[in-house]
Amino acid sequence: MRKEAISQINEDIKRTKRAIISLGCSFVRGHGAIDDAIYRNYTYNATKGSCVITWDLTNARSLVKEFSGIKILRHGDLDFYLNEEKNAFVNVLAKKYFEGSYASINLGISGSGNRATIKELYFYPAINWKELDEIIVIYCPTGAERFDFIDDQYHRLNDNARWTSSWPRISKDRNPVDLLWQGYAEAVHSSKYEIIEQVSHIQELLLWCEHKNAKLIIVPSFSNHYTRENFIGSISQQIYRDNNRKIVKESEYLDSNYQSAVELADMWPWDKMFYPDGHATFMDLVLKQEFPEEETLPWFYTFAGVGSPNMWVTPCCHPSAKAHDLFAKYLYKHIEKKL
């Protein structure tokens, strides 16, 4: 979240005494969720299979004049941050569906994992937390394989990227970043590791919510790994590593580990999970709009560089503005009925 948003948040808190906070990755931040008409009426360049798109800047001034929340940066590129922020589900939920009766606090961070997104709660002491009588936290965990650590260059991006993340990938390149990721992949990561990490992270969020008397809703962004069955199965594995910490054997399942695996898996607050319209993730809800008759939904990354047929998934492979609105609608119904 950019610092300039805090003054408006505090004004809204003073007026409403309650807030909705969203935590997660780019799916929460609103990455790519620009006004739908921009995709229809302006030219962008994309390569199939890539989540990176660039815009034809010929009509940039016309675009900025027509749509709110878009800036032309000094070097000529377009900054869609505020337009995306406007369309992110937490803002649509608070401003449209709850008619401005909640302050919205979007703590989503593009590219980050769950360790970072939960810890973001601590980095905004200027927010008037003590004035809040009611808090709802919507946590959308991202891929469990991501691991975050502080990026000491974060000031360069207006406090919007204080974290950097590692993925368990092996590359032929030998630069420090690739070596770091390879070390993580070979000496640290496993399916058991990542699930125990998630159980650990959620304890921090549960303690924060208890301290603030906040209500919690959990909807995974796109990963179907957040199930009790998968948690128990992964934790029940036995991992064997050699002296260099490379995995030499990864058992499928051990009965002897079952009871302790159940106890650990049930530290996850399964009663806080919400399945919008019966779907396991935010993205499953979105893809069902494109493929209502399909029993098995395609992997959303299929639409990288092209977008889904009716643009529920953007060419940069994220939920579109109308997808965020739909998600906000289901969250609103759930909150009104259950909380």
C-alpha atoms as a PDB file:
ATOM      1  CA  MET A   1       0.000   0.000   0.000  1.00  0.00           C
ATOM      2  CA  ARG A   2       1.300   3.448  -0.857  1.00  0.00           C
ATOM      3  CA  LYS A   3       1.723   5.889   2.001  1.00  0.00           C
ATOM      4  CA  GLU A   4      -0.496   8.527   0.442  1.00  0.00           C
ATOM      5  CA  ALA A   5      -3.497   6.238   1.000  1.00  0.00           C
ATOM      6  CA  ILE A   6      -3.194   6.458   4.782  1.00  0.00           C
ATOM      7  CA  SER A   7      -4.741   9.915   5.206  1.00  0.00           C
ATOM      8  CA  GLN A   8      -7.910   8.809   3.378  1.00  0.00           C
ATOM      9  CA  ILE A   9      -8.008   5.561   5.368  1.00  0.00           C
ATOM     10  CA  ASN A  10      -7.827   7.511   8.623  1.00  0.00           C
ATOM     11  CA  GLU A  11     -10.594   9.833   7.479  1.00  0.00           C
ATOM     12  CA  ASP A  12     -12.753   6.803   6.688  1.00  0.00           C
ATOM     13  CA  ILE A  13     -11.901   5.186  10.029  1.00  0.00           C
ATOM     14  CA  LYS A  14     -12.851   8.361  11.890  1.00  0.00           C
ATOM     15  CA  ARG A  15     -16.180   8.418  10.051  1.00  0.00           C
ATOM     16  CA  THR A  16     -17.092   4.711  10.166  1.00  0.00           C
ATOM     17  CA  LYS A  17     -15.165   3.264  13.147  1.00  0.00           C
ATOM     18  CA  ARG A  18     -14.777   0.014  11.223  1.00  0.00           C
ATOM     19  CA  ALA A  19     -12.575  -1.422   8.488  1.00  0.00           C
ATOM     20  CA  ILE A  20     -12.161  -4.306   6.075  1.00  0.00           C
ATOM     21  CA  ILE A  21      -8.538  -5.379   5.519  1.00  0.00           C
ATOM     22  CA  SER A  22      -7.391  -7.571   2.642  1.00  0.00           C
ATOM     23  CA  LEU A  23      -4.175  -9.606   2.775  1.00  0.00           C
ATOM     24  CA  GLY A  24      -2.568 -11.511  -0.088  1.00  0.00           C
ATOM     25  CA  CYS A  25      -0.553 -11.308  -3.281  1.00  0.00           C
ATOM     26  CA  SER A  26      -1.256  -9.549  -6.586  1.00  0.00           C
ATOM     27  CA  PHE A  27      -4.717 -11.129  -6.704  1.00  0.00           C
ATOM     28  CA  VAL A  28      -5.584  -9.057  -3.637  1.00  0.00           C
ATOM     29  CA  ARG A  29      -3.665  -5.942  -4.630  1.00  0.00           C
ATOM     30  CA  GLY A  30      -5.718  -5.742  -7.841  1.00  0.00           C
ATOM     31  CA  HIS A  31      -2.863  -6.239 -10.292  1.00  0.00           C
ATOM     32  CA  GLY A  32      -4.243  -6.021 -13.838  1.00  0.00           C
ATOM     33  CA  ALA A  33      -7.778  -5.183 -12.673  1.00  0.00           C
ATOM     34  CA  ILE A  34      -7.939  -1.936 -14.625  1.00  0.00           C
ATOM     35  CA  ASP A  35     -11.271  -0.718 -15.995  1.00  0.00           C
ATOM     36  CA  ASP A  36     -12.528  -3.365 -18.431  1.00  0.00           C
ATOM     37  CA  ALA A  37     -13.066  -0.778 -21.177  1.00  0.00           C
ATOM     38  CA  ILE A  38      -9.334  -0.045 -21.279  1.00  0.00           C
ATOM     39  CA  TYR A  39      -8.605  -3.581 -22.482  1.00  0.00           C
ATOM     40  CA  ARG A  40     -11.373  -3.259 -25.078  1.00  0.00           C
ATOM     41  CA  ASN A  41     -10.558   0.190 -26.422  1.00  0.00           C
ATOM     42  CA  TYR A  42      -6.793   0.613 -26.147  1.00  0.00           C
ATOM     43  CA  THR A  43      -3.924  -1.361 -27.649  1.00  0.00           C
ATOM     44  CA  TYR A  44      -1.612  -3.544 -25.587  1.00  0.00           C
ATOM     45  CA  ASN A  45       1.183  -5.900 -26.592  1.00  0.00           C
ATOM     46  CA  ALA A  46       1.544  -9.339 -25.066  1.00  0.00           C
ATOM     47  CA  THR A  47       3.253 -12.642 -25.756  1.00  0.00           C
ATOM     48  CA  LYS A  48       1.328 -15.872 -25.226  1.00  0.00           C
ATOM     49  CA  GLY A  49       2.601 -17.580 -22.124  1.00  0.00           C
ATOM     50  CA  SER A  50       3.898 -14.380 -20.536  1.00  0.00           C
ATOM     51  CA  CYS A  51       2.145 -12.385 -17.811  1.00  0.00           C
ATOM     52  CA  VAL A  52       3.898  -9.185 -18.885  1.00  0.00           C
ATOM     53  CA  ILE A  53       1.982  -6.798 -21.126  1.00  0.00           C
ATOM     54  CA  THR A  54       2.988  -3.387 -22.461  1.00  0.00           C
ATOM     55  CA  TRP A  55       0.758  -0.586 -23.690  1.00  0.00           C
ATOM     56  CA  ASP A  56       0.852   1.343 -26.938  1.00  0.00           C
ATOM     57  CA  LEU A  57       1.532   4.844 -25.626  1.00  0.00           C
ATOM     58  CA  THR A  58       0.360   6.621 -28.778  1.00  0.00           C
ATOM     59  CA  ASN A  59      -2.968   7.430 -27.147  1.00  0.00           C
ATOM     60  CA  ALA A  60      -1.696   7.573 -23.567  1.00  0.00           C
ATOM     61  CA  ARG A  61      -2.927  11.113 -22.940  1.00  0.00           C
ATOM     62  CA  SER A  62      -6.383  10.216 -24.198  1.00  0.00           C
ATOM     63  CA  LEU A  63      -6.454   7.166 -21.921  1.00  0.00           C
ATOM     64  CA  VAL A  64      -5.427   9.174 -18.873  1.00  0.00           C
ATOM     65  CA  LYS A  65      -8.062  11.789 -19.630  1.00  0.00           C
ATOM     66  CA  GLU A  66     -10.823   9.211 -20.105  1.00  0.00           C
ATOM     67  CA  PHE A  67     -10.128   7.007 -17.057  1.00  0.00           C
ATOM     68  CA  SER A  68      -9.377   7.917 -13.453  1.00  0.00           C
ATOM     69  CA  GLY A  69      -6.421   6.666 -11.445  1.00  0.00           C
ATOM     70  CA  ILE A  70      -3.868   6.481 -14.295  1.00  0.00           C
ATOM     71  CA  LYS A  71      -0.664   8.494 -14.545  1.00  0.00           C
ATOM     72  CA  ILE A  72       2.012   8.955 -17.186  1.00  0.00           C
ATOM     73  CA  LEU A  73       5.374   8.492 -15.482  1.00  0.00           C
ATOM     74  CA  ARG A  74       8.415  10.596 -16.243  1.00  0.00           C
ATOM     75  CA  HIS A  75       9.967   7.922 -18.440  1.00  0.00           C
ATOM     76  CA  GLY A  76       6.706   7.597 -20.399  1.00  0.00           C
ATOM     77  CA  ASP A  77       5.192   4.391 -19.027  1.00  0.00           C
ATOM     78  CA  LEU A  78       1.693   4.256 -17.595  1.00  0.00           C
ATOM     79  CA  ASP A  79       1.034   3.812 -13.879  1.00  0.00           C
ATOM     80  CA  PHE A  80      -2.301   2.015 -13.355  1.00  0.00           C
ATOM     81  CA  TYR A  81      -1.901   1.582  -9.591  1.00  0.00           C
ATOM     82  CA  LEU A  82      -4.783   3.798  -8.462  1.00  0.00           C
ATOM     83  CA  ASN A  83      -7.117   2.470 -11.158  1.00  0.00           C
ATOM     84  CA  GLU A  84      -6.342  -1.085 -10.073  1.00  0.00           C
ATOM     85  CA  GLU A  85      -6.748  -0.098  -6.436  1.00  0.00           C
ATOM     86  CA  LYS A  86     -10.195   1.331  -7.165  1.00  0.00           C
ATOM     87  CA  ASN A  87     -11.273  -1.995  -8.681  1.00  0.00           C
ATOM     88  CA  ALA A  88      -9.660  -4.311  -6.113  1.00  0.00           C
ATOM     89  CA  PHE A  89     -12.315  -6.378  -4.354  1.00  0.00           C
ATOM     90  CA  VAL A  90     -11.780  -4.912  -0.867  1.00  0.00           C
ATOM     91  CA  ASN A  91     -12.504  -1.402  -2.135  1.00  0.00           C
ATOM     92  CA  VAL A  92     -15.499  -2.547  -4.182  1.00  0.00           C
ATOM     93  CA  LEU A  93     -16.781  -4.432  -1.139  1.00  0.00           C
ATOM     94  CA  ALA A  94     -16.430  -1.466   1.222  1.00  0.00           C
ATOM     95  CA  LYS A  95     -17.457   1.336  -1.112  1.00  0.00           C
ATOM     96  CA  LYS A  96     -20.033  -0.283  -3.416  1.00  0.00           C
ATOM     97  CA  TYR A  97     -21.636  -3.132  -1.506  1.00  0.00           C
ATOM     98  CA  PHE A  98     -21.329  -1.673   2.005  1.00  0.00           C
ATOM     99  CA  GLU A  99     -21.955   1.837   0.623  1.00  0.00           C
ATOM    100  CA  GLY A 100     -18.908   3.360   2.297  1.00  0.00           C
ATOM    101  CA  SER A 101     -19.788   2.179   5.780  1.00  0.00           C
ATOM    102  CA  TYR A 102     -16.355   0.527   6.168  1.00  0.00           C
ATOM    103  CA  ALA A 103     -12.872   1.875   5.585  1.00  0.00           C
ATOM    104  CA  SER A 104     -10.997  -0.338   3.122  1.00  0.00           C
ATOM    105  CA  ILE A 105      -7.338  -1.235   3.742  1.00  0.00           C
ATOM    106  CA  ASN A 106      -5.708  -3.114   0.878  1.00  0.00           C
ATOM    107  CA  LEU A 107      -2.450  -4.724   2.026  1.00  0.00           C
ATOM    108  CA  GLY A 108      -2.035  -6.978  -1.010  1.00  0.00           C
ATOM    109  CA  ILE A 109       1.521  -7.155  -2.381  1.00  0.00           C
ATOM    110  CA  SER A 110       2.274  -8.256  -5.934  1.00  0.00           C
ATOM    111  CA  GLY A 111       4.708 -11.156  -6.102  1.00  0.00           C
ATOM    112  CA  SER A 112       4.875 -11.837  -2.382  1.00  0.00           C
ATOM    113  CA  GLY A 113       4.123 -14.916  -0.345  1.00  0.00           C
ATOM    114  CA  ASN A 114       2.132 -15.442   2.809  1.00  0.00           C
ATOM    115  CA  ARG A 115       4.880 -14.625   5.285  1.00  0.00           C
ATOM    116  CA  ALA A 116       5.122 -11.122   3.846  1.00  0.00           C
ATOM    117  CA  THR A 117       1.420 -10.465   3.461  1.00  0.00           C
ATOM    118  CA  ILE A 118       0.631 -11.247   7.093  1.00  0.00           C
ATOM    119  CA  LYS A 119       3.562  -9.219   8.425  1.00  0.00           C
ATOM    120  CA  GLU A 120       2.375  -6.189   6.406  1.00  0.00           C
ATOM    121  CA  LEU A 121      -0.101  -5.637   9.235  1.00  0.00           C
ATOM    122  CA  TYR A 122       2.765  -4.325  11.383  1.00  0.00           C
ATOM    123  CA  PHE A 123       4.176  -1.756   8.978  1.00  0.00           C
ATOM    124  CA  TYR A 124       1.510   0.961   9.130  1.00  0.00           C
ATOM    125  CA  PRO A 125       1.645   2.544  12.597  1.00  0.00           C
ATOM    126  CA  ALA A 126       0.221   5.763  11.086  1.00  0.00           C
ATOM    127  CA  ILE A 127      -3.137   4.046  10.607  1.00  0.00           C
ATOM    128  CA  ASN A 128      -5.440   4.890  13.520  1.00  0.00           C
ATOM    129  CA  TRP A 129      -6.036   1.281  14.546  1.00  0.00           C
ATOM    130  CA  LYS A 130      -7.178   2.222  18.055  1.00  0.00           C
ATOM    131  CA  GLU A 131     -10.169   4.127  16.690  1.00  0.00           C
ATOM    132  CA  LEU A 132     -11.650   0.975  15.132  1.00  0.00           C
ATOM    133  CA  ASP A 133     -14.582  -0.736  16.826  1.00  0.00           C
ATOM    134  CA  GLU A 134     -14.913  -3.445  14.163  1.00  0.00           C
ATOM    135  CA  ILE A 135     -12.375  -5.130  11.863  1.00  0.00           C
ATOM    136  CA  ILE A 136     -12.900  -7.775   9.202  1.00  0.00           C
ATOM    137  CA  VAL A 137      -9.778  -9.401   7.719  1.00  0.00           C
ATOM    138  CA  ILE A 138     -10.025 -11.151   4.354  1.00  0.00           C
ATOM    139  CA  TYR A 139      -6.940 -13.324   3.894  1.00  0.00           C
ATOM    140  CA  CYS A 140      -6.307 -14.806   0.448  1.00  0.00           C
ATOM    141  CA  PRO A 141      -3.253 -17.056   0.788  1.00  0.00           C
ATOM    142  CA  THR A 142      -1.130 -17.380  -2.326  1.00  0.00           C
ATOM    143  CA  GLY A 143       1.099 -20.235  -3.510  1.00  0.00           C
ATOM    144  CA  ALA A 144       2.543 -21.984  -0.448  1.00  0.00           C
ATOM    145  CA  GLU A 145       5.922 -22.454  -2.140  1.00  0.00           C
ATOM    146  CA  ARG A 146       6.846 -18.749  -1.951  1.00  0.00           C
ATOM    147  CA  PHE A 147       9.244 -17.639   0.777  1.00  0.00           C
ATOM    148  CA  ASP A 148       9.709 -13.944   1.625  1.00  0.00           C
ATOM    149  CA  PHE A 149      12.434 -11.869   3.175  1.00  0.00           C
ATOM    150  CA  ILE A 150      12.921  -8.129   3.594  1.00  0.00           C
ATOM    151  CA  ASP A 151      14.188  -6.193   0.563  1.00  0.00           C
ATOM    152  CA  ASP A 152      16.396  -3.419   1.916  1.00  0.00           C
ATOM    153  CA  GLN A 153      15.804  -1.396  -1.267  1.00  0.00           C
ATOM    154  CA  TYR A 154      12.060  -1.068  -0.695  1.00  0.00           C
ATOM    155  CA  HIS A 155      12.164   2.737  -0.270  1.00  0.00           C
ATOM    156  CA  ARG A 156      12.747   3.083  -4.018  1.00  0.00           C
ATOM    157  CA  LEU A 157       9.149   2.041  -4.731  1.00  0.00           C
ATOM    158  CA  ASN A 158       7.341   4.293  -2.277  1.00  0.00           C
ATOM    159  CA  ASP A 159       7.120   1.606   0.409  1.00  0.00           C
ATOM    160  CA  ASN A 160       5.157  -0.680  -1.878  1.00  0.00           C
ATOM    161  CA  ALA A 161       7.732  -3.458  -2.174  1.00  0.00           C
ATOM    162  CA  ARG A 162       9.473  -4.013   1.153  1.00  0.00           C
ATOM    163  CA  TRP A 163       9.662  -7.764   0.423  1.00  0.00           C
ATOM    164  CA  THR A 164      11.283 -10.006  -2.135  1.00  0.00           C
ATOM    165  CA  SER A 165      10.357 -13.643  -2.631  1.00  0.00           C
ATOM    166  CA  SER A 166      12.091 -16.865  -3.561  1.00  0.00           C
ATOM    167  CA  TRP A 167      10.579 -19.719  -5.522  1.00  0.00           C
ATOM    168  CA  PRO A 168      11.989 -23.269  -5.454  1.00  0.00           C
ATOM    169  CA  ARG A 169      13.484 -23.129  -8.950  1.00  0.00           C
ATOM    170  CA  ILE A 170      16.697 -24.490 -10.412  1.00  0.00           C
ATOM    171  CA  SER A 171      18.444 -22.464 -13.112  1.00  0.00           C
ATOM    172  CA  LYS A 172      21.628 -22.823 -15.141  1.00  0.00           C
ATOM    173  CA  ASP A 173      22.488 -19.227 -14.284  1.00  0.00           C
ATOM    174  CA  ARG A 174      24.937 -18.703 -11.423  1.00  0.00           C
ATOM    175  CA  ASN A 175      24.037 -15.200 -10.298  1.00  0.00           C
ATOM    176  CA  PRO A 176      23.234 -14.695  -6.588  1.00  0.00           C
ATOM    177  CA  VAL A 177      19.458 -14.665  -7.053  1.00  0.00           C
ATOM    178  CA  ASP A 178      19.395 -17.933  -8.996  1.00  0.00           C
ATOM    179  CA  LEU A 179      21.780 -19.537  -6.516  1.00  0.00           C
ATOM    180  CA  LEU A 180      19.510 -18.428  -3.673  1.00  0.00           C
ATOM    181  CA  TRP A 181      16.456 -19.927  -5.354  1.00  0.00           C
ATOM    182  CA  GLN A 182      18.332 -23.133  -6.135  1.00  0.00           C
ATOM    183  CA  GLY A 183      19.505 -23.424  -2.541  1.00  0.00           C
ATOM    184  CA  TYR A 184      15.946 -22.965  -1.367  1.00  0.00           C
ATOM    185  CA  ALA A 185      14.726 -25.570  -3.866  1.00  0.00           C
ATOM    186  CA  GLU A 186      17.305 -28.214  -3.017  1.00  0.00           C
ATOM    187  CA  ALA A 187      18.089 -27.695   0.662  1.00  0.00           C
ATOM    188  CA  VAL A 188      14.888 -26.343   2.200  1.00  0.00           C
ATOM    189  CA  HIS A 189      11.715 -26.811   0.172  1.00  0.00           C
ATOM    190  CA  SER A 190       9.360 -29.786   0.160  1.00  0.00           C
ATOM    191  CA  SER A 191       5.600 -30.172   0.158  1.00  0.00           C
ATOM    192  CA  LYS A 192       5.803 -30.951   3.882  1.00  0.00           C
ATOM    193  CA  TYR A 193       7.912 -27.853   4.525  1.00  0.00           C
ATOM    194  CA  GLU A 194       5.534 -25.477   2.762  1.00  0.00           C
ATOM    195  CA  ILE A 195       2.429 -26.734   4.573  1.00  0.00           C
ATOM    196  CA  ILE A 196       4.051 -26.465   8.011  1.00  0.00           C
ATOM    197  CA  GLU A 197       5.145 -22.952   7.027  1.00  0.00           C
ATOM    198  CA  GLN A 198       1.524 -22.023   6.321  1.00  0.00           C
ATOM    199  CA  VAL A 199       0.349 -23.402   9.640  1.00  0.00           C
ATOM    200  CA  SER A 200       3.049 -21.317  11.321  1.00  0.00           C
ATOM    201  CA  HIS A 201       2.171 -18.110   9.446  1.00  0.00           C
ATOM    202  CA  ILE A 202      -1.532 -18.366  10.224  1.00  0.00           C
ATOM    203  CA  GLN A 203      -0.821 -18.449  13.980  1.00  0.00           C
ATOM    204  CA  GLU A 204       0.577 -14.936  13.699  1.00  0.00           C
ATOM    205  CA  LEU A 205      -2.551 -13.736  11.918  1.00  0.00           C
ATOM    206  CA  LEU A 206      -4.822 -15.456  14.433  1.00  0.00           C
ATOM    207  CA  LEU A 207      -3.002 -13.736  17.301  1.00  0.00           C
ATOM    208  CA  TRP A 208      -3.312 -10.362  15.553  1.00  0.00           C
ATOM    209  CA  CYS A 209      -7.032 -10.904  15.019  1.00  0.00           C
ATOM    210  CA  GLU A 210      -7.487 -11.958  18.642  1.00  0.00           C
ATOM    211  CA  HIS A 211      -5.610  -8.868  19.854  1.00  0.00           C
ATOM    212  CA  LYS A 212      -7.702  -6.573  17.639  1.00  0.00           C
ATOM    213  CA  ASN A 213     -10.946  -8.517  18.149  1.00  0.00           C
ATOM    214  CA  ALA A 214     -11.069  -8.896  14.354  1.00  0.00           C
ATOM    215  CA  LYS A 215     -13.181 -11.336  12.360  1.00  0.00           C
ATOM    216  CA  LEU A 216     -11.332 -13.483   9.820  1.00  0.00           C
ATOM    217  CA  ILE A 217     -12.360 -14.856   6.408  1.00  0.00           C
ATOM    218  CA  ILE A 218      -9.979 -17.053   4.388  1.00  0.00           C
ATOM    219  CA  VAL A 219     -10.308 -17.617   0.629  1.00  0.00           C
ATOM    220  CA  PRO A 220      -7.213 -18.898  -1.231  1.00  0.00           C
ATOM    221  CA  SER A 221      -6.320 -16.774  -4.255  1.00  0.00           C
ATOM    222  CA  PHE A 222      -5.730 -19.625  -6.706  1.00  0.00           C
ATOM    223  CA  SER A 223      -4.071 -22.589  -4.966  1.00  0.00           C
ATOM    224  CA  ASN A 224      -6.131 -25.702  -4.246  1.00  0.00           C
ATOM    225  CA  HIS A 225      -3.587 -26.925  -1.685  1.00  0.00           C
ATOM    226  CA  TYR A 226      -5.450 -25.378   1.249  1.00  0.00           C
ATOM    227  CA  THR A 227      -7.482 -28.418   2.226  1.00  0.00           C
ATOM    228  CA  ARG A 228      -7.385 -30.428   5.436  1.00  0.00           C
ATOM    229  CA  GLU A 229      -6.778 -33.625   3.466  1.00  0.00           C
ATOM    230  CA  ASN A 230      -3.744 -32.156   1.715  1.00  0.00           C
ATOM    231  CA  PHE A 231      -2.385 -30.664   4.928  1.00  0.00           C
ATOM    232  CA  ILE A 232      -2.585 -33.995   6.768  1.00  0.00           C
ATOM    233  CA  GLY A 233      -1.136 -35.913   3.822  1.00  0.00           C
ATOM    234  CA  SER A 234       1.790 -33.545   3.368  1.00  0.00           C
ATOM    235  CA  ILE A 235       2.634 -33.322   7.067  1.00  0.00           C
ATOM    236  CA  SER A 236       2.435 -37.131   7.367  1.00  0.00           C
ATOM    237  CA  GLN A 237       5.285 -37.562   4.890  1.00  0.00           C
ATOM    238  CA  GLN A 238       8.741 -38.562   6.022  1.00  0.00           C
ATOM    239  CA  ILE A 239      11.522 -36.573   4.297  1.00  0.00           C
ATOM    240  CA  TYR A 240      15.015 -38.051   4.035  1.00  0.00           C
ATOM    241  CA  ARG A 241      17.942 -35.781   3.059  1.00  0.00           C
ATOM    242  CA  ASP A 242      21.640 -36.419   2.488  1.00  0.00           C
ATOM    243  CA  ASN A 243      24.486 -34.486   4.128  1.00  0.00           C
ATOM    244  CA  ASN A 244      24.008 -31.659   1.603  1.00  0.00           C
ATOM    245  CA  ARG A 245      20.310 -31.518   2.494  1.00  0.00           C
ATOM    246  CA  LYS A 246      19.180 -32.777  -0.897  1.00  0.00           C
ATOM    247  CA  ILE A 247      16.091 -34.958  -0.692  1.00  0.00           C
ATOM    248  CA  VAL A 248      16.923 -38.607  -1.320  1.00  0.00           C
ATOM    249  CA  LYS A 249      13.524 -40.012  -0.390  1.00  0.00           C
ATOM    250  CA  GLU A 250      10.092 -38.547   0.194  1.00  0.00           C
ATOM    251  CA  SER A 251       7.585 -41.077   1.496  1.00  0.00           C
ATOM    252  CA  GLU A 252       3.986 -40.730   0.374  1.00  0.00           C
ATOM    253  CA  TYR A 253       2.412 -41.283   3.774  1.00  0.00           C
ATOM    254  CA  LEU A 254       3.271 -42.804   7.149  1.00  0.00           C
ATOM    255  CA  ASP A 255       0.628 -44.089   9.565  1.00  0.00           C
ATOM    256  CA  SER A 256       2.989 -43.464  12.466  1.00  0.00           C
ATOM    257  CA  ASN A 257       2.921 -39.734  11.677  1.00  0.00           C
ATOM    258  CA  TYR A 258      -0.841 -39.499  11.253  1.00  0.00           C
ATOM    259  CA  GLN A 259      -1.967 -38.349  14.700  1.00  0.00           C
ATOM    260  CA  SER A 260       0.663 -35.643  15.037  1.00  0.00           C
ATOM    261  CA  ALA A 261      -0.095 -34.579  11.448  1.00  0.00           C
ATOM    262  CA  VAL A 262      -3.789 -34.204  12.283  1.00  0.00           C
ATOM    263  CA  GLU A 263      -3.007 -32.119  15.360  1.00  0.00           C
ATOM    264  CA  LEU A 264      -0.731 -29.825  13.372  1.00  0.00           C
ATOM    265  CA  ALA A 265      -3.092 -29.564  10.393  1.00  0.00           C
ATOM    266  CA  ASP A 266      -5.967 -28.630  12.679  1.00  0.00           C
ATOM    267  CA  MET A 267      -4.051 -25.622  13.918  1.00  0.00           C
ATOM    268  CA  TRP A 268      -5.267 -24.113  10.640  1.00  0.00           C
ATOM    269  CA  PRO A 269      -8.637 -22.384  11.260  1.00  0.00           C
ATOM    270  CA  TRP A 270     -10.776 -24.460   8.889  1.00  0.00           C
ATOM    271  CA  ASP A 271     -13.915 -22.836  10.303  1.00  0.00           C
ATOM    272  CA  LYS A 272     -12.743 -19.498   8.852  1.00  0.00           C
ATOM    273  CA  MET A 273     -12.598 -20.816   5.276  1.00  0.00           C
ATOM    274  CA  PHE A 274     -15.143 -19.400   2.821  1.00  0.00           C
ATOM    275  CA  TYR A 275     -15.979 -21.031  -0.520  1.00  0.00           C
ATOM    276  CA  PRO A 276     -17.648 -18.417  -2.769  1.00  0.00           C
ATOM    277  CA  ASP A 277     -20.500 -20.060  -4.669  1.00  0.00           C
ATOM    278  CA  GLY A 278     -19.020 -23.397  -3.608  1.00  0.00           C
ATOM    279  CA  HIS A 279     -15.591 -22.778  -5.156  1.00  0.00           C
ATOM    280  CA  ALA A 280     -12.299 -23.503  -3.417  1.00  0.00           C
ATOM    281  CA  THR A 281     -10.510 -20.339  -4.572  1.00  0.00           C
ATOM    282  CA  PHE A 282     -11.051 -16.822  -5.876  1.00  0.00           C
ATOM    283  CA  MET A 283      -9.750 -17.914  -9.285  1.00  0.00           C
ATOM    284  CA  ASP A 284     -12.017 -20.967  -9.452  1.00  0.00           C
ATOM    285  CA  LEU A 285     -14.994 -18.641  -8.973  1.00  0.00           C
ATOM    286  CA  VAL A 286     -13.686 -16.477 -11.809  1.00  0.00           C
ATOM    287  CA  LEU A 287     -12.980 -19.339 -14.227  1.00  0.00           C
ATOM    288  CA  LYS A 288     -16.439 -20.808 -13.664  1.00  0.00           C
ATOM    289  CA  GLN A 289     -17.882 -17.652 -15.239  1.00  0.00           C
ATOM    290  CA  GLU A 290     -15.971 -18.490 -18.426  1.00  0.00           C
ATOM    291  CA  PHE A 291     -16.632 -22.215 -18.350  1.00  0.00           C
ATOM    292  CA  PRO A 292     -19.931 -22.798 -16.525  1.00  0.00           C
ATOM    293  CA  GLU A 293     -20.424 -26.274 -18.012  1.00  0.00           C
ATOM    294  CA  GLU A 294     -16.903 -27.584 -17.386  1.00  0.00           C
ATOM    295  CA  GLU A 295     -16.362 -29.935 -14.452  1.00  0.00           C
ATOM    296  CA  THR A 296     -12.585 -29.479 -14.610  1.00  0.00           C
ATOM    297  CA  LEU A 297     -11.488 -25.856 -14.889  1.00  0.00           C
ATOM    298  CA  PRO A 298      -8.361 -24.945 -16.867  1.00  0.00           C
ATOM    299  CA  TRP A 299      -5.256 -23.685 -15.085  1.00  0.00           C
ATOM    300  CA  PHE A 300      -5.527 -19.896 -15.143  1.00  0.00           C
ATOM    301  CA  TYR A 301      -1.985 -19.475 -16.450  1.00  0.00           C
ATOM    302  CA  THR A 302      -3.289 -20.874 -19.758  1.00  0.00           C
ATOM    303  CA  PHE A 303      -4.530 -17.346 -20.492  1.00  0.00           C
ATOM    304  CA  ALA A 304      -1.202 -15.573 -19.940  1.00  0.00           C
ATOM    305  CA  GLY A 305      -0.635 -13.138 -22.778  1.00  0.00           C
ATOM    306  CA  VAL A 306      -4.106 -13.555 -24.297  1.00  0.00           C
ATOM    307  CA  GLY A 307      -6.742 -13.264 -21.569  1.00  0.00           C
ATOM    308  CA  SER A 308      -9.726 -15.558 -21.223  1.00  0.00           C
ATOM    309  CA  PRO A 309     -12.459 -15.443 -23.917  1.00  0.00           C
ATOM    310  CA  ASN A 310     -14.719 -13.019 -22.039  1.00  0.00           C
ATOM    311  CA  MET A 311     -11.871 -11.323 -20.178  1.00  0.00           C
ATOM    312  CA  TRP A 312     -12.674 -12.661 -16.733  1.00  0.00           C
ATOM    313  CA  VAL A 313      -8.935 -13.416 -16.611  1.00  0.00           C
ATOM    314  CA  THR A 314      -6.722 -10.590 -17.880  1.00  0.00           C
ATOM    315  CA  PRO A 315      -3.842 -10.984 -20.373  1.00  0.00           C
ATOM    316  CA  CYS A 316      -1.503 -10.493 -17.398  1.00  0.00           C
ATOM    317  CA  CYS A 317      -3.141 -13.569 -15.898  1.00  0.00           C
ATOM    318  CA  HIS A 318      -5.073 -12.019 -13.006  1.00  0.00           C
ATOM    319  CA  PRO A 319      -8.745 -11.547 -12.132  1.00  0.00           C
ATOM    320  CA  SER A 320     -10.257  -8.652 -14.090  1.00  0.00           C
ATOM    321  CA  ALA A 321     -12.189  -5.716 -12.632  1.00  0.00           C
ATOM    322  CA  LYS A 322     -15.505  -7.504 -13.150  1.00  0.00           C
ATOM    323  CA  ALA A 323     -14.031 -10.598 -11.475  1.00  0.00           C
ATOM    324  CA  HIS A 324     -13.101  -8.526  -8.409  1.00  0.00           C
ATOM    325  CA  ASP A 325     -16.622  -7.101  -8.360  1.00  0.00           C
ATOM    326  CA  LEU A 326     -18.114 -10.603  -8.457  1.00  0.00           C
ATOM    327  CA  PHE A 327     -15.870 -11.772  -5.616  1.00  0.00           C
ATOM    328  CA  ALA A 328     -16.820  -8.691  -3.584  1.00  0.00           C
ATOM    329  CA  LYS A 329     -20.486  -9.511  -4.137  1.00  0.00           C
ATOM    330  CA  TYR A 330     -20.093 -13.017  -2.677  1.00  0.00           C
ATOM    331  CA  LEU A 331     -18.031 -11.709   0.226  1.00  0.00           C
ATOM    332  CA  TYR A 332     -20.741  -9.160   0.970  1.00  0.00           C
ATOM    333  CA  LYS A 333     -23.432 -11.867   1.084  1.00  0.00           C
ATOM    334  CA  HIS A 334     -21.238 -14.036   3.337  1.00  0.00           C
ATOM    335  CA  ILE A 335     -20.492 -11.197   5.753  1.00  0.00           C
ATOM    336  CA  GLU A 336     -24.120 -10.145   5.956  1.00  0.00           C
ATOM    337  CA  LYS A 337     -25.247 -13.706   6.612  1.00  0.00           C
ATOM    338  CA  LYS A 338     -22.465 -15.159   8.764  1.00  0.00           C
ATOM    339  CA  LEU A 339     -20.580 -12.389  10.576  1.00  0.00           C
END
